[in-house]
């Protein structure tokens, strides 16, 4: 089996949501937009997600669930799917990473890795 049959690229952009954050209550809300691209040669469906969210104090939240935003997108080769969601952490800086569990049309299960990305209130240096 060739490696490039199952290749999912995940692009992320983040935004700090000032009006819904409450720093005095250690509540910092970040929106993120994810674009998932099937760069492989086999159609695949996103079955589940697994996120690891870490704040600057080292507090870790683990999130698992079916699909994304209530959907289990089915991606043909060359197709993409974009969605937005949010995360709340207790510090103005944090990070997220994780994976999507995929099922390809050839019957194989594989993980699409989501590289670590930073959550940071504007003006925060670390």
N, C-alpha and C. Protein backbone atom coordinates (compact mmCIF):
# COMPACT_ATOMS: atom_id res chain seq x y z
N UNK A 1 0.85 -1.19 0.00
CA UNK A 1 0.00 0.00 0.00
C UNK A 1 0.89 1.25 0.00
N UNK A 2 0.58 2.15 -0.86
CA UNK A 2 1.38 3.36 -0.94
C UNK A 2 0.95 4.35 0.13
N UNK A 3 1.93 5.01 0.72
CA UNK A 3 1.70 5.95 1.81
C UNK A 3 0.80 7.11 1.40
N UNK A 4 0.92 7.56 0.15
CA UNK A 4 0.19 8.77 -0.25
C UNK A 4 -1.28 8.53 -0.54
N UNK A 5 -1.75 7.29 -0.38
CA UNK A 5 -3.18 7.04 -0.56
C UNK A 5 -3.99 7.75 0.52
N UNK A 6 -3.43 7.80 1.73
CA UNK A 6 -4.13 8.37 2.88
C UNK A 6 -3.33 9.56 3.38
N UNK A 7 -3.67 10.74 2.88
CA UNK A 7 -2.95 11.92 3.33
C UNK A 7 -3.96 13.05 3.53
N UNK A 8 -4.09 13.47 4.78
CA UNK A 8 -4.99 14.55 5.15
C UNK A 8 -4.16 15.71 5.67
N UNK A 9 -4.36 16.89 5.11
CA UNK A 9 -3.67 18.09 5.60
C UNK A 9 -4.68 18.90 6.42
N UNK A 10 -4.21 19.39 7.57
CA UNK A 10 -5.07 20.16 8.46
C UNK A 10 -4.45 21.54 8.65
N UNK A 11 -5.18 22.58 8.25
CA UNK A 11 -4.75 23.97 8.44
C UNK A 11 -5.60 24.61 9.52
N UNK A 12 -4.97 25.45 10.35
CA UNK A 12 -5.66 26.04 11.49
C UNK A 12 -5.42 27.55 11.54
N UNK A 13 -6.46 28.31 11.83
CA UNK A 13 -6.29 29.72 12.20
C UNK A 13 -7.06 29.96 13.49
N UNK A 14 -6.54 30.84 14.34
CA UNK A 14 -7.16 31.08 15.65
C UNK A 14 -7.44 32.55 15.86
N UNK A 15 -8.41 32.83 16.72
CA UNK A 15 -8.74 34.20 17.12
C UNK A 15 -9.12 34.22 18.59
N UNK A 16 -8.64 35.22 19.29
CA UNK A 16 -9.04 35.45 20.68
C UNK A 16 -10.37 36.20 20.66
N UNK A 17 -11.35 35.75 21.44
CA UNK A 17 -12.67 36.37 21.47
C UNK A 17 -12.79 37.20 22.75
N UNK A 18 -12.42 38.47 22.63
CA UNK A 18 -12.35 39.36 23.78
C UNK A 18 -13.70 39.53 24.47
N UNK A 19 -14.76 39.73 23.69
CA UNK A 19 -16.06 40.04 24.29
C UNK A 19 -16.69 38.88 25.04
N UNK A 20 -16.20 37.65 24.81
CA UNK A 20 -16.74 36.50 25.55
C UNK A 20 -15.74 35.95 26.57
N UNK A 21 -14.61 36.61 26.69
CA UNK A 21 -13.61 36.19 27.68
C UNK A 21 -13.78 37.01 28.95
N UNK A 22 -13.41 36.40 30.07
CA UNK A 22 -13.50 37.07 31.37
C UNK A 22 -12.20 36.84 32.12
N UNK A 23 -11.16 37.63 31.80
CA UNK A 23 -9.86 37.42 32.45
C UNK A 23 -9.92 37.43 33.97
N UNK A 24 -10.80 38.24 34.55
CA UNK A 24 -10.92 38.29 36.01
C UNK A 24 -11.48 37.00 36.59
N UNK A 25 -12.08 36.16 35.73
CA UNK A 25 -12.60 34.85 36.15
C UNK A 25 -11.77 33.71 35.55
N UNK A 26 -10.58 34.03 35.03
CA UNK A 26 -9.70 33.04 34.39
C UNK A 26 -10.44 32.28 33.28
N UNK A 27 -11.10 33.05 32.44
CA UNK A 27 -11.83 32.47 31.31
C UNK A 27 -11.40 33.18 30.03
N UNK A 28 -10.71 32.45 29.17
CA UNK A 28 -10.22 32.99 27.91
C UNK A 28 -10.78 32.14 26.77
N UNK A 29 -11.56 32.76 25.91
CA UNK A 29 -12.21 32.03 24.82
C UNK A 29 -11.47 32.27 23.51
N UNK A 30 -11.17 31.18 22.84
CA UNK A 30 -10.50 31.23 21.54
C UNK A 30 -11.36 30.52 20.51
N UNK A 31 -11.56 31.17 19.37
CA UNK A 31 -12.21 30.52 18.24
C UNK A 31 -11.11 30.00 17.33
N UNK A 32 -11.38 28.89 16.70
CA UNK A 32 -10.43 28.37 15.71
C UNK A 32 -11.20 27.87 14.50
N UNK A 33 -10.58 28.07 13.35
CA UNK A 33 -11.14 27.58 12.09
C UNK A 33 -10.18 26.54 11.54
N UNK A 34 -10.74 25.39 11.22
CA UNK A 34 -9.96 24.26 10.72
C UNK A 34 -10.36 23.99 9.27
N UNK A 35 -9.37 23.80 8.44
CA UNK A 35 -9.63 23.33 7.08
C UNK A 35 -8.92 22.00 6.90
N UNK A 36 -9.71 20.99 6.53
CA UNK A 36 -9.22 19.63 6.35
C UNK A 36 -9.19 19.37 4.84
N UNK A 37 -8.04 18.99 4.31
CA UNK A 37 -7.89 18.70 2.88
C UNK A 37 -7.52 17.24 2.69
N UNK A 38 -8.23 16.56 1.80
CA UNK A 38 -7.83 15.20 1.45
C UNK A 38 -6.84 15.29 0.29
N UNK A 39 -5.56 15.13 0.61
CA UNK A 39 -4.50 15.18 -0.40
C UNK A 39 -4.08 13.78 -0.84
N UNK A 40 -4.81 12.78 -0.36
CA UNK A 40 -4.52 11.41 -0.75
C UNK A 40 -5.26 11.03 -2.02
N UNK A 41 -5.21 9.75 -2.34
CA UNK A 41 -5.86 9.27 -3.57
C UNK A 41 -7.12 8.44 -3.28
N UNK A 42 -7.49 8.31 -2.00
CA UNK A 42 -8.64 7.51 -1.61
C UNK A 42 -9.62 8.38 -0.83
N UNK A 43 -10.92 8.35 -1.16
CA UNK A 43 -11.90 9.08 -0.36
C UNK A 43 -11.87 8.60 1.09
N UNK A 44 -12.14 9.51 2.02
CA UNK A 44 -12.11 9.15 3.44
C UNK A 44 -13.15 9.96 4.21
N UNK A 45 -13.65 9.35 5.27
CA UNK A 45 -14.64 9.97 6.13
C UNK A 45 -14.03 10.22 7.50
N UNK A 46 -14.28 11.40 8.06
CA UNK A 46 -13.83 11.73 9.40
C UNK A 46 -14.84 11.13 10.38
N UNK A 47 -14.39 10.18 11.19
CA UNK A 47 -15.29 9.50 12.13
C UNK A 47 -15.33 10.20 13.49
N UNK A 48 -14.14 10.41 14.08
CA UNK A 48 -14.08 10.97 15.43
C UNK A 48 -12.93 11.96 15.53
N UNK A 49 -12.94 12.72 16.63
CA UNK A 49 -11.87 13.69 16.88
C UNK A 49 -11.30 13.44 18.27
N UNK A 50 -10.06 13.83 18.45
CA UNK A 50 -9.40 13.75 19.75
C UNK A 50 -8.52 14.99 19.88
N UNK A 51 -8.84 15.83 20.85
CA UNK A 51 -8.10 17.07 21.09
C UNK A 51 -7.42 17.01 22.45
N UNK A 52 -6.24 17.60 22.52
CA UNK A 52 -5.57 17.81 23.80
C UNK A 52 -5.30 19.31 23.89
N UNK A 53 -5.90 19.94 24.89
CA UNK A 53 -5.82 21.39 25.07
C UNK A 53 -5.08 21.66 26.38
N UNK A 54 -4.01 22.44 26.31
CA UNK A 54 -3.18 22.70 27.48
C UNK A 54 -3.07 24.19 27.72
N UNK A 55 -3.29 24.62 28.96
CA UNK A 55 -3.13 26.05 29.25
C UNK A 55 -1.73 26.30 29.81
N UNK A 56 -1.44 27.57 30.09
CA UNK A 56 -0.08 27.94 30.54
C UNK A 56 0.25 27.39 31.92
N UNK A 57 -0.76 26.98 32.68
CA UNK A 57 -0.52 26.38 34.00
C UNK A 57 -0.29 24.87 33.91
N UNK A 58 -0.35 24.34 32.69
CA UNK A 58 -0.17 22.90 32.51
C UNK A 58 -1.44 22.10 32.67
N UNK A 59 -2.59 22.78 32.84
CA UNK A 59 -3.86 22.07 32.96
C UNK A 59 -4.24 21.53 31.57
N UNK A 60 -4.57 20.25 31.52
CA UNK A 60 -4.86 19.59 30.25
C UNK A 60 -6.35 19.21 30.20
N UNK A 61 -6.98 19.55 29.09
CA UNK A 61 -8.34 19.09 28.81
C UNK A 61 -8.24 18.14 27.62
N UNK A 62 -8.89 17.01 27.74
CA UNK A 62 -8.93 16.08 26.62
C UNK A 62 -10.36 16.02 26.11
N UNK A 63 -10.53 16.14 24.81
CA UNK A 63 -11.85 16.14 24.20
C UNK A 63 -11.90 15.06 23.14
N UNK A 64 -12.88 14.17 23.26
CA UNK A 64 -13.10 13.14 22.24
C UNK A 64 -14.56 13.20 21.84
N UNK A 65 -14.83 12.91 20.60
CA UNK A 65 -16.22 12.89 20.17
C UNK A 65 -16.36 12.46 18.73
N UNK A 66 -17.61 12.26 18.34
CA UNK A 66 -17.90 11.88 16.96
C UNK A 66 -17.85 13.10 16.07
N UNK A 67 -17.19 12.97 14.93
CA UNK A 67 -17.19 14.00 13.92
C UNK A 67 -16.69 15.34 14.41
N UNK A 68 -17.06 16.36 13.66
CA UNK A 68 -16.76 17.76 14.00
C UNK A 68 -18.01 18.58 13.73
N UNK A 69 -18.33 19.48 14.63
CA UNK A 69 -19.53 20.33 14.56
C UNK A 69 -20.77 19.55 14.09
N UNK A 70 -20.94 18.35 14.66
CA UNK A 70 -22.12 17.55 14.36
C UNK A 70 -22.09 16.86 13.00
N UNK A 71 -20.98 16.91 12.31
CA UNK A 71 -20.89 16.28 10.99
C UNK A 71 -19.73 15.30 10.95
N UNK A 72 -19.83 14.35 10.05
CA UNK A 72 -18.73 13.44 9.76
C UNK A 72 -18.42 13.60 8.27
N UNK A 73 -17.63 14.63 7.94
CA UNK A 73 -17.43 14.95 6.53
C UNK A 73 -16.75 13.81 5.76
N UNK A 74 -17.25 13.61 4.55
CA UNK A 74 -16.72 12.61 3.63
C UNK A 74 -15.98 13.38 2.54
N UNK A 75 -14.67 13.13 2.44
CA UNK A 75 -13.84 13.92 1.54
C UNK A 75 -13.31 13.09 0.39
N UNK A 76 -13.68 13.48 -0.81
CA UNK A 76 -13.08 12.90 -2.01
C UNK A 76 -11.65 13.42 -2.13
N UNK A 77 -10.78 12.72 -2.85
CA UNK A 77 -9.44 13.27 -3.09
C UNK A 77 -9.55 14.69 -3.67
N UNK A 78 -8.77 15.61 -3.11
CA UNK A 78 -8.80 16.99 -3.57
C UNK A 78 -9.84 17.85 -2.89
N UNK A 79 -10.75 17.24 -2.15
CA UNK A 79 -11.80 18.00 -1.48
C UNK A 79 -11.35 18.51 -0.12
N UNK A 80 -11.98 19.59 0.33
CA UNK A 80 -11.71 20.13 1.64
C UNK A 80 -13.00 20.33 2.42
N UNK A 81 -12.85 20.50 3.72
CA UNK A 81 -13.98 20.79 4.61
C UNK A 81 -13.50 21.79 5.64
N UNK A 82 -14.26 22.86 5.83
CA UNK A 82 -13.87 23.89 6.78
C UNK A 82 -14.95 24.03 7.85
N UNK A 83 -14.51 24.20 9.09
CA UNK A 83 -15.46 24.44 10.17
C UNK A 83 -14.80 25.31 11.23
N UNK A 84 -15.64 25.90 12.06
CA UNK A 84 -15.14 26.72 13.17
C UNK A 84 -15.70 26.19 14.47
N UNK A 85 -14.89 26.30 15.52
CA UNK A 85 -15.31 25.90 16.85
C UNK A 85 -14.57 26.79 17.84
N UNK A 86 -14.62 26.43 19.11
CA UNK A 86 -13.96 27.26 20.11
C UNK A 86 -13.49 26.42 21.28
N UNK A 87 -12.60 27.02 22.06
CA UNK A 87 -12.08 26.38 23.26
C UNK A 87 -11.94 27.44 24.33
N UNK A 88 -12.17 27.05 25.57
CA UNK A 88 -12.01 27.95 26.72
C UNK A 88 -10.88 27.41 27.58
N UNK A 89 -9.92 28.28 27.90
CA UNK A 89 -8.85 27.89 28.81
C UNK A 89 -8.76 28.93 29.93
N UNK A 90 -7.98 28.62 30.97
CA UNK A 90 -7.92 29.48 32.15
C UNK A 90 -6.79 30.50 32.11
N UNK A 91 -5.97 30.47 31.06
CA UNK A 91 -4.84 31.39 30.94
C UNK A 91 -4.89 32.07 29.57
N UNK A 92 -4.22 33.23 29.43
CA UNK A 92 -4.27 33.94 28.15
C UNK A 92 -3.45 33.29 27.04
N UNK A 93 -2.68 32.27 27.38
CA UNK A 93 -1.89 31.54 26.38
C UNK A 93 -2.06 30.06 26.61
N UNK A 94 -2.16 29.31 25.53
CA UNK A 94 -2.25 27.86 25.62
C UNK A 94 -1.93 27.24 24.28
N UNK A 95 -2.20 25.95 24.17
CA UNK A 95 -1.93 25.24 22.92
C UNK A 95 -2.91 24.09 22.76
N UNK A 96 -3.11 23.70 21.51
CA UNK A 96 -3.96 22.56 21.19
C UNK A 96 -3.26 21.68 20.17
N UNK A 97 -3.52 20.40 20.23
CA UNK A 97 -3.14 19.48 19.17
C UNK A 97 -4.04 18.27 19.28
N UNK A 98 -3.95 17.41 18.28
CA UNK A 98 -4.81 16.23 18.34
C UNK A 98 -4.79 15.45 17.04
N UNK A 99 -5.90 14.77 16.79
CA UNK A 99 -6.00 13.96 15.58
C UNK A 99 -7.46 13.71 15.24
N UNK A 100 -7.67 13.43 13.96
CA UNK A 100 -8.96 12.97 13.48
C UNK A 100 -8.81 11.51 13.10
N UNK A 101 -9.77 10.69 13.50
CA UNK A 101 -9.74 9.29 13.16
C UNK A 101 -10.55 9.14 11.87
N UNK A 102 -9.90 8.64 10.83
CA UNK A 102 -10.48 8.59 9.50
C UNK A 102 -10.74 7.14 9.08
N UNK A 103 -11.73 6.97 8.20
CA UNK A 103 -11.99 5.68 7.56
C UNK A 103 -11.97 5.91 6.06
N UNK A 104 -11.02 5.25 5.40
CA UNK A 104 -10.90 5.39 3.94
C UNK A 104 -11.82 4.39 3.25
N UNK A 105 -12.16 4.70 2.00
CA UNK A 105 -13.03 3.81 1.22
C UNK A 105 -12.41 2.43 0.99
N UNK A 106 -11.09 2.31 1.13
CA UNK A 106 -10.47 0.99 0.96
C UNK A 106 -10.54 0.17 2.25
N UNK A 107 -11.25 0.70 3.25
CA UNK A 107 -11.46 -0.05 4.50
C UNK A 107 -10.44 0.22 5.58
N UNK A 108 -9.41 1.00 5.28
CA UNK A 108 -8.38 1.22 6.30
C UNK A 108 -8.72 2.42 7.18
N UNK A 109 -8.40 2.24 8.45
CA UNK A 109 -8.53 3.31 9.43
C UNK A 109 -7.17 3.98 9.57
N UNK A 110 -7.16 5.30 9.66
CA UNK A 110 -5.89 5.99 9.89
C UNK A 110 -6.16 7.29 10.63
N UNK A 111 -5.12 7.84 11.24
CA UNK A 111 -5.23 9.10 11.97
C UNK A 111 -4.69 10.24 11.12
N UNK A 112 -5.43 11.33 11.09
CA UNK A 112 -4.95 12.57 10.50
C UNK A 112 -4.48 13.43 11.67
N UNK A 113 -3.18 13.65 11.75
CA UNK A 113 -2.62 14.37 12.89
C UNK A 113 -2.83 15.88 12.74
N UNK A 114 -3.13 16.53 13.86
CA UNK A 114 -3.28 17.98 13.92
C UNK A 114 -2.09 18.50 14.71
N UNK A 115 -1.19 19.16 14.03
CA UNK A 115 0.03 19.66 14.67
C UNK A 115 -0.32 20.68 15.75
N UNK A 116 0.51 20.79 16.79
CA UNK A 116 0.24 21.77 17.84
C UNK A 116 0.12 23.19 17.28
N UNK A 117 -0.86 23.92 17.80
CA UNK A 117 -0.98 25.33 17.46
C UNK A 117 -1.25 26.12 18.73
N UNK A 118 -0.91 27.39 18.67
CA UNK A 118 -0.92 28.25 19.85
C UNK A 118 -2.25 28.99 19.97
N UNK A 119 -2.72 29.11 21.19
CA UNK A 119 -3.84 29.98 21.53
C UNK A 119 -3.23 31.11 22.34
N UNK A 120 -3.37 32.34 21.88
CA UNK A 120 -2.75 33.44 22.61
C UNK A 120 -3.55 34.72 22.45
N UNK A 121 -3.84 35.33 23.58
CA UNK A 121 -4.44 36.65 23.58
C UNK A 121 -3.46 37.62 22.94
N UNK A 122 -3.91 38.51 22.05
CA UNK A 122 -2.98 39.45 21.43
C UNK A 122 -2.17 40.22 22.47
N UNK A 123 -0.88 40.38 22.19
CA UNK A 123 0.00 41.09 23.10
C UNK A 123 0.70 40.20 24.09
N UNK A 124 0.34 38.91 24.13
CA UNK A 124 1.00 37.98 25.05
C UNK A 124 2.23 37.41 24.35
N UNK A 125 3.37 37.48 25.01
CA UNK A 125 4.61 37.06 24.37
C UNK A 125 4.92 35.58 24.59
N UNK A 126 4.40 34.97 25.66
CA UNK A 126 4.73 33.57 25.90
C UNK A 126 3.53 32.78 26.38
